[in-house]
Amino acid sequence: MRTLQNGVERIVARVDHSNEEGPLIQTSQSGKLVDASPAEIRNTFWRYPLWTLAVMLRIHWHALLLWVKNVPFFHKPAPPAQFVTRGQVASTFTSKSR
């Protein structure tokens, strides 16, 4: 979503996830909208040079805390043997020759 705040165009990305019991998570990220020119990308990189490393360290730190607390790890289940889509409708494709 684009907004105008104090004469500056800003962009907001929002994710809201809920189930039948109510909201589970509500998050958003916003910032000033600028063109992705080579100069702007370079300036952003030099403004936040260790941003990716900091995020990775925080993820691993929280994983370590969960491991210390003996929180169980659930592996990804095996995919179904047949392709399944909710509300799938059988369709027939025909080729018309002219």
N, C-alpha and C. Protein backbone atom coordinates (compact mmCIF):
# COMPACT_ATOMS: atom_id res chain seq x y z
N MET A 1 0.84 -1.16 0.00
CA MET A 1 0.00 0.00 0.00
C MET A 1 0.90 1.23 0.00
N ARG A 2 0.56 2.20 -0.77
CA ARG A 2 1.31 3.45 -0.81
C ARG A 2 0.54 4.50 -0.01
N THR A 3 1.27 5.28 0.77
CA THR A 3 0.67 6.35 1.56
C THR A 3 1.48 7.61 1.38
N LEU A 4 0.91 8.72 1.74
CA LEU A 4 1.59 10.01 1.70
C LEU A 4 1.65 10.53 3.13
N GLN A 5 2.87 10.73 3.67
CA GLN A 5 3.02 11.16 5.05
C GLN A 5 3.97 12.35 5.08
N ASN A 6 3.47 13.49 5.51
CA ASN A 6 4.26 14.73 5.56
C ASN A 6 4.89 15.05 4.21
N GLY A 7 4.16 14.81 3.14
CA GLY A 7 4.63 15.11 1.79
C GLY A 7 5.61 14.10 1.23
N VAL A 8 5.89 13.02 1.95
CA VAL A 8 6.81 11.98 1.50
C VAL A 8 6.02 10.72 1.20
N GLU A 9 6.25 10.16 0.00
CA GLU A 9 5.56 8.92 -0.36
C GLU A 9 6.21 7.75 0.36
N ARG A 10 5.40 6.96 1.05
CA ARG A 10 5.87 5.80 1.80
C ARG A 10 5.14 4.56 1.31
N ILE A 11 5.76 3.41 1.54
CA ILE A 11 5.13 2.14 1.18
C ILE A 11 5.03 1.28 2.44
N VAL A 12 3.93 0.54 2.55
CA VAL A 12 3.69 -0.32 3.70
C VAL A 12 3.36 -1.72 3.20
N ALA A 13 4.10 -2.72 3.69
CA ALA A 13 3.79 -4.12 3.40
C ALA A 13 3.30 -4.73 4.70
N ARG A 14 2.13 -5.36 4.67
CA ARG A 14 1.52 -5.87 5.89
C ARG A 14 1.10 -7.32 5.70
N VAL A 15 1.31 -8.13 6.75
CA VAL A 15 0.89 -9.53 6.75
C VAL A 15 0.08 -9.78 8.01
N ASP A 16 -1.16 -10.15 7.85
CA ASP A 16 -2.03 -10.51 8.97
C ASP A 16 -2.45 -11.96 8.78
N HIS A 17 -2.25 -12.78 9.80
CA HIS A 17 -2.62 -14.19 9.70
C HIS A 17 -3.47 -14.54 10.90
N SER A 18 -4.61 -15.17 10.65
CA SER A 18 -5.50 -15.54 11.75
C SER A 18 -6.15 -16.88 11.45
N ASN A 19 -6.72 -17.46 12.47
CA ASN A 19 -7.49 -18.69 12.30
C ASN A 19 -8.87 -18.46 12.91
N GLU A 20 -9.63 -19.55 13.11
CA GLU A 20 -11.00 -19.40 13.60
C GLU A 20 -11.06 -18.83 15.02
N GLU A 21 -9.95 -18.88 15.76
CA GLU A 21 -9.92 -18.35 17.13
C GLU A 21 -9.53 -16.87 17.18
N GLY A 22 -9.06 -16.35 16.07
CA GLY A 22 -8.68 -14.94 16.04
C GLY A 22 -7.30 -14.73 15.44
N PRO A 23 -6.76 -13.52 15.62
CA PRO A 23 -5.46 -13.19 15.03
C PRO A 23 -4.32 -14.01 15.65
N LEU A 24 -3.41 -14.48 14.78
CA LEU A 24 -2.23 -15.20 15.24
C LEU A 24 -1.00 -14.30 15.18
N ILE A 25 -0.86 -13.55 14.09
CA ILE A 25 0.27 -12.64 13.93
C ILE A 25 -0.15 -11.48 13.04
N GLN A 26 0.31 -10.31 13.41
CA GLN A 26 0.07 -9.11 12.62
C GLN A 26 1.39 -8.38 12.52
N THR A 27 1.92 -8.24 11.31
CA THR A 27 3.22 -7.59 11.13
C THR A 27 3.13 -6.59 9.99
N SER A 28 4.05 -5.65 10.00
CA SER A 28 4.13 -4.71 8.88
C SER A 28 5.54 -4.17 8.79
N GLN A 29 5.88 -3.73 7.61
CA GLN A 29 7.18 -3.11 7.34
C GLN A 29 6.89 -1.90 6.48
N SER A 30 7.46 -0.77 6.82
CA SER A 30 7.22 0.44 6.04
C SER A 30 8.52 1.18 5.81
N GLY A 31 8.49 2.05 4.84
CA GLY A 31 9.67 2.85 4.56
C GLY A 31 9.40 3.87 3.49
N LYS A 32 10.37 4.77 3.30
CA LYS A 32 10.26 5.80 2.28
C LYS A 32 10.43 5.14 0.92
N LEU A 33 9.61 5.48 -0.01
CA LEU A 33 9.66 4.92 -1.35
C LEU A 33 10.68 5.69 -2.18
N VAL A 34 11.72 4.98 -2.65
CA VAL A 34 12.75 5.59 -3.50
C VAL A 34 12.99 4.69 -4.70
N ASP A 35 13.52 5.27 -5.76
CA ASP A 35 13.86 4.49 -6.95
C ASP A 35 15.03 3.57 -6.63
N ALA A 36 15.04 2.39 -7.24
CA ALA A 36 16.12 1.43 -7.03
C ALA A 36 17.22 1.67 -8.06
N SER A 37 17.81 2.85 -7.99
CA SER A 37 18.91 3.19 -8.91
C SER A 37 20.19 2.56 -8.38
N PRO A 38 21.19 2.39 -9.23
CA PRO A 38 22.47 1.83 -8.76
C PRO A 38 23.06 2.62 -7.59
N ALA A 39 22.94 3.95 -7.62
CA ALA A 39 23.48 4.78 -6.54
C ALA A 39 22.72 4.52 -5.23
N GLU A 40 21.41 4.40 -5.30
CA GLU A 40 20.61 4.16 -4.09
C GLU A 40 20.90 2.77 -3.52
N ILE A 41 21.06 1.78 -4.37
CA ILE A 41 21.39 0.42 -3.90
C ILE A 41 22.76 0.44 -3.21
N ARG A 42 23.71 1.13 -3.80
CA ARG A 42 25.06 1.23 -3.22
C ARG A 42 25.00 1.96 -1.86
N ASN A 43 24.25 3.05 -1.77
CA ASN A 43 24.12 3.79 -0.51
C ASN A 43 23.46 2.92 0.56
N THR A 44 22.44 2.18 0.18
CA THR A 44 21.77 1.30 1.14
C THR A 44 22.71 0.23 1.65
N PHE A 45 23.49 -0.36 0.76
CA PHE A 45 24.45 -1.39 1.17
C PHE A 45 25.44 -0.82 2.19
N TRP A 46 25.98 0.37 1.94
CA TRP A 46 26.97 0.95 2.84
C TRP A 46 26.35 1.48 4.13
N ARG A 47 25.05 1.80 4.10
CA ARG A 47 24.37 2.22 5.33
C ARG A 47 24.13 1.05 6.26
N TYR A 48 23.87 -0.14 5.70
CA TYR A 48 23.54 -1.33 6.48
C TYR A 48 24.42 -2.51 6.05
N PRO A 49 25.74 -2.44 6.21
CA PRO A 49 26.60 -3.49 5.66
C PRO A 49 26.46 -4.84 6.35
N LEU A 50 26.09 -4.88 7.61
CA LEU A 50 26.02 -6.15 8.33
C LEU A 50 24.59 -6.58 8.63
N TRP A 51 23.64 -6.01 7.93
CA TRP A 51 22.23 -6.30 8.19
C TRP A 51 21.92 -7.79 8.03
N THR A 52 22.36 -8.38 6.94
CA THR A 52 22.09 -9.80 6.68
C THR A 52 22.75 -10.67 7.73
N LEU A 53 23.97 -10.37 8.08
CA LEU A 53 24.68 -11.14 9.09
C LEU A 53 23.97 -11.03 10.45
N ALA A 54 23.50 -9.84 10.80
CA ALA A 54 22.79 -9.66 12.07
C ALA A 54 21.51 -10.48 12.11
N VAL A 55 20.77 -10.51 11.01
CA VAL A 55 19.54 -11.31 10.96
C VAL A 55 19.86 -12.79 11.10
N MET A 56 20.88 -13.26 10.40
CA MET A 56 21.26 -14.68 10.50
C MET A 56 21.67 -15.04 11.92
N LEU A 57 22.45 -14.18 12.57
CA LEU A 57 22.87 -14.44 13.94
C LEU A 57 21.68 -14.51 14.89
N ARG A 58 20.71 -13.63 14.71
CA ARG A 58 19.52 -13.65 15.57
C ARG A 58 18.69 -14.92 15.36
N ILE A 59 18.56 -15.35 14.13
CA ILE A 59 17.82 -16.58 13.85
C ILE A 59 18.50 -17.76 14.54
N HIS A 60 19.81 -17.85 14.40
CA HIS A 60 20.54 -18.96 15.02
C HIS A 60 20.54 -18.86 16.54
N TRP A 61 20.58 -17.66 17.09
CA TRP A 61 20.50 -17.48 18.53
C TRP A 61 19.18 -18.00 19.07
N HIS A 62 18.08 -17.67 18.40
CA HIS A 62 16.77 -18.15 18.84
C HIS A 62 16.64 -19.66 18.65
N ALA A 63 17.25 -20.20 17.60
CA ALA A 63 17.24 -21.66 17.42
C ALA A 63 17.99 -22.33 18.57
N LEU A 64 19.10 -21.74 18.99
CA LEU A 64 19.86 -22.29 20.13
C LEU A 64 19.03 -22.25 21.41
N LEU A 65 18.33 -21.13 21.64
CA LEU A 65 17.49 -21.03 22.83
C LEU A 65 16.39 -22.10 22.83
N LEU A 66 15.79 -22.33 21.66
CA LEU A 66 14.76 -23.37 21.56
C LEU A 66 15.36 -24.75 21.80
N TRP A 67 16.56 -24.99 21.30
CA TRP A 67 17.23 -26.28 21.50
C TRP A 67 17.55 -26.49 22.98
N VAL A 68 18.02 -25.44 23.66
CA VAL A 68 18.33 -25.54 25.09
C VAL A 68 17.07 -25.85 25.90
N LYS A 69 15.94 -25.31 25.47
CA LYS A 69 14.66 -25.57 26.16
C LYS A 69 14.06 -26.92 25.78
N ASN A 70 14.73 -27.68 24.92
CA ASN A 70 14.26 -28.99 24.45
C ASN A 70 12.91 -28.91 23.73
N VAL A 71 12.71 -27.85 22.98
CA VAL A 71 11.50 -27.73 22.17
C VAL A 71 11.60 -28.75 21.04
N PRO A 72 10.57 -29.59 20.84
CA PRO A 72 10.67 -30.63 19.81
C PRO A 72 10.74 -30.03 18.41
N PHE A 73 11.46 -30.73 17.55
CA PHE A 73 11.59 -30.35 16.15
C PHE A 73 10.73 -31.29 15.32
N PHE A 74 9.87 -30.73 14.49
CA PHE A 74 8.99 -31.53 13.64
C PHE A 74 9.51 -31.47 12.22
N HIS A 75 9.82 -32.63 11.66
CA HIS A 75 10.31 -32.69 10.29
C HIS A 75 9.16 -32.46 9.32
N LYS A 76 9.49 -32.01 8.16
CA LYS A 76 8.51 -31.79 7.10
C LYS A 76 7.93 -33.14 6.69
N PRO A 77 6.59 -33.26 6.62
CA PRO A 77 6.01 -34.55 6.23
C PRO A 77 6.30 -34.87 4.77
N ALA A 78 6.22 -36.14 4.46
CA ALA A 78 6.42 -36.58 3.07
C ALA A 78 5.29 -36.05 2.20
N PRO A 79 5.57 -35.68 0.97
CA PRO A 79 4.51 -35.18 0.10
C PRO A 79 3.52 -36.30 -0.24
N PRO A 80 2.27 -35.96 -0.55
CA PRO A 80 1.29 -36.99 -0.89
C PRO A 80 1.69 -37.73 -2.17
N ALA A 81 1.23 -38.98 -2.27
CA ALA A 81 1.56 -39.79 -3.44
C ALA A 81 0.92 -39.23 -4.70
N GLN A 82 -0.27 -38.65 -4.57
CA GLN A 82 -0.96 -38.06 -5.71
C GLN A 82 -1.13 -36.56 -5.48
N PHE A 83 -1.08 -35.80 -6.56
CA PHE A 83 -1.26 -34.36 -6.49
C PHE A 83 -2.67 -34.05 -6.00
N VAL A 84 -2.79 -33.21 -5.00
CA VAL A 84 -4.09 -32.89 -4.42
C VAL A 84 -4.25 -31.37 -4.39
N THR A 85 -5.39 -30.90 -4.86
CA THR A 85 -5.72 -29.49 -4.79
C THR A 85 -7.14 -29.36 -4.26
N ARG A 86 -7.31 -28.52 -3.27
CA ARG A 86 -8.63 -28.32 -2.71
C ARG A 86 -9.54 -27.71 -3.77
N GLY A 87 -10.71 -28.27 -3.97
CA GLY A 87 -11.66 -27.75 -4.94
C GLY A 87 -11.24 -27.99 -6.38
N GLN A 88 -10.42 -29.01 -6.61
CA GLN A 88 -9.95 -29.29 -7.96
C GLN A 88 -11.12 -29.76 -8.83
N VAL A 89 -11.19 -29.22 -10.03
CA VAL A 89 -12.24 -29.59 -10.97
C VAL A 89 -11.59 -30.28 -12.15
N ALA A 90 -12.15 -31.41 -12.52
CA ALA A 90 -11.62 -32.14 -13.67
C ALA A 90 -11.86 -31.30 -14.92
N SER A 91 -10.84 -31.17 -15.72
CA SER A 91 -10.98 -30.41 -16.95
C SER A 91 -10.41 -31.22 -18.10
N THR A 92 -10.95 -30.95 -19.27
CA THR A 92 -10.49 -31.64 -20.47
C THR A 92 -9.90 -30.60 -21.41
N PHE A 93 -8.69 -30.86 -21.83
CA PHE A 93 -8.04 -29.96 -22.77
C PHE A 93 -8.20 -30.55 -24.17
N THR A 94 -8.66 -29.73 -25.06
CA THR A 94 -8.81 -30.19 -26.44
C THR A 94 -8.00 -29.28 -27.34
N SER A 95 -7.51 -29.82 -28.38
CA SER A 95 -6.75 -29.06 -29.35
C SER A 95 -7.59 -28.92 -30.61
N LYS A 96 -7.82 -27.69 -31.00
CA LYS A 96 -8.59 -27.46 -32.22
C LYS A 96 -7.62 -27.19 -33.35
N SER A 97 -7.74 -27.98 -34.41
CA SER A 97 -6.86 -27.73 -35.55
C SER A 97 -7.63 -26.92 -36.58
N ARG A 98 -6.93 -26.03 -37.21
CA ARG A 98 -7.58 -25.16 -38.19
C ARG A 98 -7.06 -25.44 -39.56
